Amino acid sequence: AGMRATVPVITMPLYLSWLHEQALAKGVKFIQRTIESIDELQEEADAVVLAAGLRGGELTGDDGTVYPIRGQVIRLANTAGLVHWLCYDEHPQGVTYIIPRRDDIIVGGTDVANDFNAEVDPQTATDMLRRAIGLVPQLAGCEILEHKVGLRPARETIRLERVDGHAVPVIAAYGHGGAGVTLSWGTAQRVVELLET
């Protein structure tokens, strides 16, 4: 079985820069720091939208169900001129995807629950590239630009609700796993609705 589709593909560094600019234009201030408790923000925030990834449950103090899904990918130069992406979830040796973007190709991947290893595993990289080249031989000549690992914050269901018991109103918005970007605009809309009620 197979499916052919036309879908938008996001180049994350460009997209995140655009989102950052949009937020700045709306007057959002960005402050980077580590907090141990949401209550530390009571003097400076009217409300907290908690989108803290793996620390989301820890910071609410009432949710120990968040776990990482480890993802490892390879970024290749798109010297092959690929324009069609391929995803083979049921490849016998592991999930395999090839996603051409404007200037590069993302090859993956892994999908390992409860794995906190944020280091690149060379054998995993070799296996992923071998699977991808087996599906798309043109990848054999593409330069490897980068290896990346990410820990996707997951839970059985997304947590998107008000959380009581803190010194400031809190909306939890975490646990999206590998679907964070896909669900981000709908999540943001629901957060606004929760803040307005």
Protein backbone atom coordinates (compact mmCIF):
# COMPACT_ATOMS: atom_id res chain seq x y z
CA ALA A 1 0.00 0.00 0.00
CA GLY A 2 1.15 3.52 -0.57
CA MET A 3 -0.01 7.10 -0.54
CA ARG A 4 1.04 10.09 -2.57
CA ALA A 5 0.34 13.53 -1.13
CA THR A 6 1.36 17.17 -1.37
CA VAL A 7 1.98 18.64 2.06
CA PRO A 8 3.84 21.64 3.46
CA VAL A 9 7.28 20.89 4.86
CA ILE A 10 8.82 23.24 7.40
CA THR A 11 12.50 24.09 7.59
CA MET A 12 12.60 24.52 11.36
CA PRO A 13 15.37 27.14 11.72
CA LEU A 14 13.59 29.43 9.22
CA TYR A 15 10.16 28.77 10.74
CA LEU A 16 11.32 29.37 14.32
CA SER A 17 13.02 32.61 13.28
CA TRP A 18 9.77 33.73 11.61
CA LEU A 19 7.73 32.82 14.71
CA HIS A 20 10.20 34.71 16.90
CA GLU A 21 9.87 37.82 14.71
CA GLN A 22 6.07 37.57 14.79
CA ALA A 23 6.09 37.37 18.59
CA LEU A 24 8.50 40.32 18.91
CA ALA A 25 6.25 42.38 16.63
CA LYS A 26 3.37 41.70 19.04
CA GLY A 27 5.44 42.99 21.98
CA VAL A 28 6.47 39.63 23.44
CA LYS A 29 9.62 39.74 25.60
CA PHE A 30 11.88 36.68 25.62
CA ILE A 31 13.66 35.83 28.86
CA GLN A 32 15.73 32.69 29.13
CA ARG A 33 16.25 31.20 32.57
CA THR A 34 15.68 28.06 34.59
CA ILE A 35 12.89 27.95 37.14
CA GLU A 36 12.21 25.32 39.79
CA SER A 37 8.58 26.27 40.39
CA ILE A 38 5.83 28.02 38.45
CA ASP A 39 5.13 30.06 41.57
CA GLU A 40 8.44 31.90 41.04
CA LEU A 41 6.66 33.79 38.24
CA GLN A 42 3.79 35.20 40.31
CA GLU A 43 5.24 38.71 40.56
CA GLU A 44 5.94 39.04 36.83
CA ALA A 45 3.24 37.09 34.99
CA ASP A 46 -0.52 37.44 34.70
CA ALA A 47 -0.71 33.83 33.49
CA VAL A 48 1.68 31.03 32.54
CA VAL A 49 1.34 28.88 29.44
CA LEU A 50 3.42 25.85 30.31
CA ALA A 51 4.94 24.42 27.14
CA ALA A 52 8.08 23.18 28.87
CA GLY A 53 8.58 19.93 27.01
CA LEU A 54 9.91 17.13 29.18
CA ARG A 55 9.78 19.33 32.29
CA GLY A 56 6.08 20.15 31.87
CA GLY A 57 4.83 17.52 34.29
CA GLU A 58 7.61 18.23 36.76
CA LEU A 59 6.72 21.93 36.89
CA THR A 60 3.00 21.33 37.42
CA GLY A 61 3.90 18.99 40.26
CA ASP A 62 1.03 16.65 39.45
CA ASP A 63 2.03 14.82 36.27
CA GLY A 64 4.66 12.10 36.16
CA THR A 65 3.51 10.74 32.80
CA VAL A 66 5.77 12.71 30.45
CA TYR A 67 8.48 10.66 28.73
CA PRO A 68 10.93 11.23 25.87
CA ILE A 69 10.69 9.73 22.41
CA ARG A 70 14.23 9.82 21.06
CA GLY A 71 14.63 10.89 17.46
CA GLN A 72 17.86 10.79 15.48
CA VAL A 73 18.19 12.22 11.97
CA ILE A 74 20.82 13.02 9.37
CA ARG A 75 20.82 16.25 7.36
CA LEU A 76 22.15 15.85 3.82
CA ALA A 77 22.90 18.39 1.10
CA ASN A 78 20.20 18.14 -1.55
CA THR A 79 22.64 17.76 -4.43
CA ALA A 80 20.41 15.00 -5.83
CA GLY A 81 17.65 17.55 -6.51
CA LEU A 82 15.00 15.53 -4.68
CA VAL A 83 11.55 17.11 -4.39
CA HIS A 84 9.36 14.19 -3.22
CA TRP A 85 9.41 12.93 0.33
CA LEU A 86 9.08 9.31 1.35
CA CYS A 87 7.99 7.80 4.64
CA TYR A 88 8.13 4.06 5.24
CA ASP A 89 6.85 3.46 8.78
CA GLU A 90 6.92 -0.30 8.47
CA HIS A 91 10.39 -0.78 7.00
CA PRO A 92 11.62 -4.13 8.40
CA GLN A 93 14.77 -2.50 9.84
CA GLY A 94 13.00 0.53 11.32
CA VAL A 95 11.01 3.62 10.45
CA THR A 96 12.57 5.39 7.47
CA TYR A 97 11.82 8.81 6.08
CA ILE A 98 13.42 11.03 3.47
CA ILE A 99 12.22 14.64 3.53
CA PRO A 100 13.69 17.03 0.95
CA ARG A 101 13.49 20.69 1.92
CA ARG A 102 14.63 23.85 0.17
CA ASP A 103 18.38 23.31 0.67
CA ASP A 104 18.74 19.96 2.37
CA ILE A 105 17.26 16.52 2.98
CA ILE A 106 16.31 15.12 6.37
CA VAL A 107 16.87 11.37 6.65
CA GLY A 108 15.56 9.46 9.61
CA GLY A 109 14.86 8.03 11.79
CA THR A 110 14.30 6.64 15.18
CA ASP A 111 11.26 6.58 17.41
CA VAL A 112 12.41 5.15 20.75
CA ALA A 113 10.23 5.74 23.82
CA ASN A 114 11.83 6.37 27.23
CA ASP A 115 15.31 6.88 25.78
CA PHE A 116 17.05 9.93 27.29
CA ASN A 117 20.23 9.53 25.19
CA ALA A 118 20.79 12.89 23.47
CA GLU A 119 24.05 11.80 21.81
CA VAL A 120 24.34 10.73 18.17
CA ASP A 121 24.69 6.96 17.87
CA PRO A 122 27.05 6.23 14.94
CA GLN A 123 25.62 2.76 14.27
CA THR A 124 22.08 4.15 14.19
CA ALA A 125 23.23 6.81 11.70
CA THR A 126 24.86 4.16 9.50
CA ASP A 127 21.72 2.01 9.59
CA MET A 128 19.41 4.94 8.79
CA LEU A 129 21.51 6.05 5.83
CA ARG A 130 21.74 2.49 4.49
CA ARG A 131 17.93 2.11 4.65
CA ALA A 132 17.40 5.48 2.96
CA ILE A 133 19.87 4.77 0.16
CA GLY A 134 18.19 1.40 -0.36
CA LEU A 135 14.93 3.27 -1.03
CA VAL A 136 16.41 6.27 -2.90
CA PRO A 137 19.83 5.39 -4.41
CA GLN A 138 20.51 9.05 -5.41
CA LEU A 139 21.18 9.79 -1.74
CA ALA A 140 24.50 7.89 -1.94
CA GLY A 141 26.27 10.91 -3.39
CA CYS A 142 24.85 13.52 -1.02
CA GLU A 143 27.17 15.19 1.48
CA ILE A 144 26.36 14.65 5.17
CA LEU A 145 25.89 18.11 6.69
CA GLU A 146 24.88 17.23 10.21
CA HIS A 147 23.67 14.56 12.62
CA LYS A 148 20.97 15.54 15.13
CA VAL A 149 19.21 13.99 18.10
CA GLY A 150 16.08 15.30 19.79
CA LEU A 151 13.94 14.14 22.69
CA ARG A 152 10.27 14.59 21.84
CA PRO A 153 8.16 15.21 24.98
CA ALA A 154 5.30 12.71 24.96
CA ARG A 155 2.56 11.36 27.18
CA GLU A 156 -0.43 9.09 26.54
CA THR A 157 -2.54 12.12 25.59
CA ILE A 158 -1.62 15.76 25.11
CA ARG A 159 -2.14 17.82 28.24
CA LEU A 160 -4.04 20.96 27.27
CA GLU A 161 -5.97 22.34 30.23
CA ARG A 162 -6.06 24.73 33.15
CA VAL A 163 -3.97 23.62 36.13
CA ASP A 164 -5.14 24.78 39.56
CA GLY A 165 -3.14 25.17 42.73
CA HIS A 166 -0.50 27.70 41.69
CA ALA A 167 0.09 31.33 42.63
CA VAL A 168 -0.58 32.37 39.03
CA PRO A 169 -3.10 30.95 36.51
CA VAL A 170 -1.52 28.10 34.54
CA ILE A 171 -2.45 26.53 31.20
CA ALA A 172 -0.63 23.26 30.49
CA ALA A 173 0.18 22.69 26.82
CA TYR A 174 2.63 19.82 26.48
CA GLY A 175 3.06 16.16 25.62
CA HIS A 176 2.73 16.43 21.83
CA GLY A 177 5.49 13.90 21.12
CA GLY A 178 6.58 14.09 17.49
CA ALA A 179 3.49 16.06 16.45
CA GLY A 180 4.35 19.38 18.10
CA VAL A 181 4.64 21.43 14.92
CA THR A 182 1.65 19.73 13.31
CA LEU A 183 -0.58 20.50 16.29
CA SER A 184 0.95 23.84 17.31
CA TRP A 185 -1.55 26.23 15.72
CA GLY A 186 -4.58 24.33 17.04
CA THR A 187 -2.94 24.09 20.47
CA ALA A 188 -2.29 27.84 20.46
CA GLN A 189 -5.92 28.55 19.57
CA ARG A 190 -7.12 26.36 22.45
CA VAL A 191 -4.69 28.05 24.86
CA VAL A 192 -6.17 31.44 23.94
CA GLU A 193 -9.69 30.07 24.54
CA LEU A 194 -8.64 28.73 27.96
CA LEU A 195 -7.02 32.04 28.89
CA GLU A 196 -10.19 33.93 27.95
CA THR A 197 -12.54 31.78 30.07
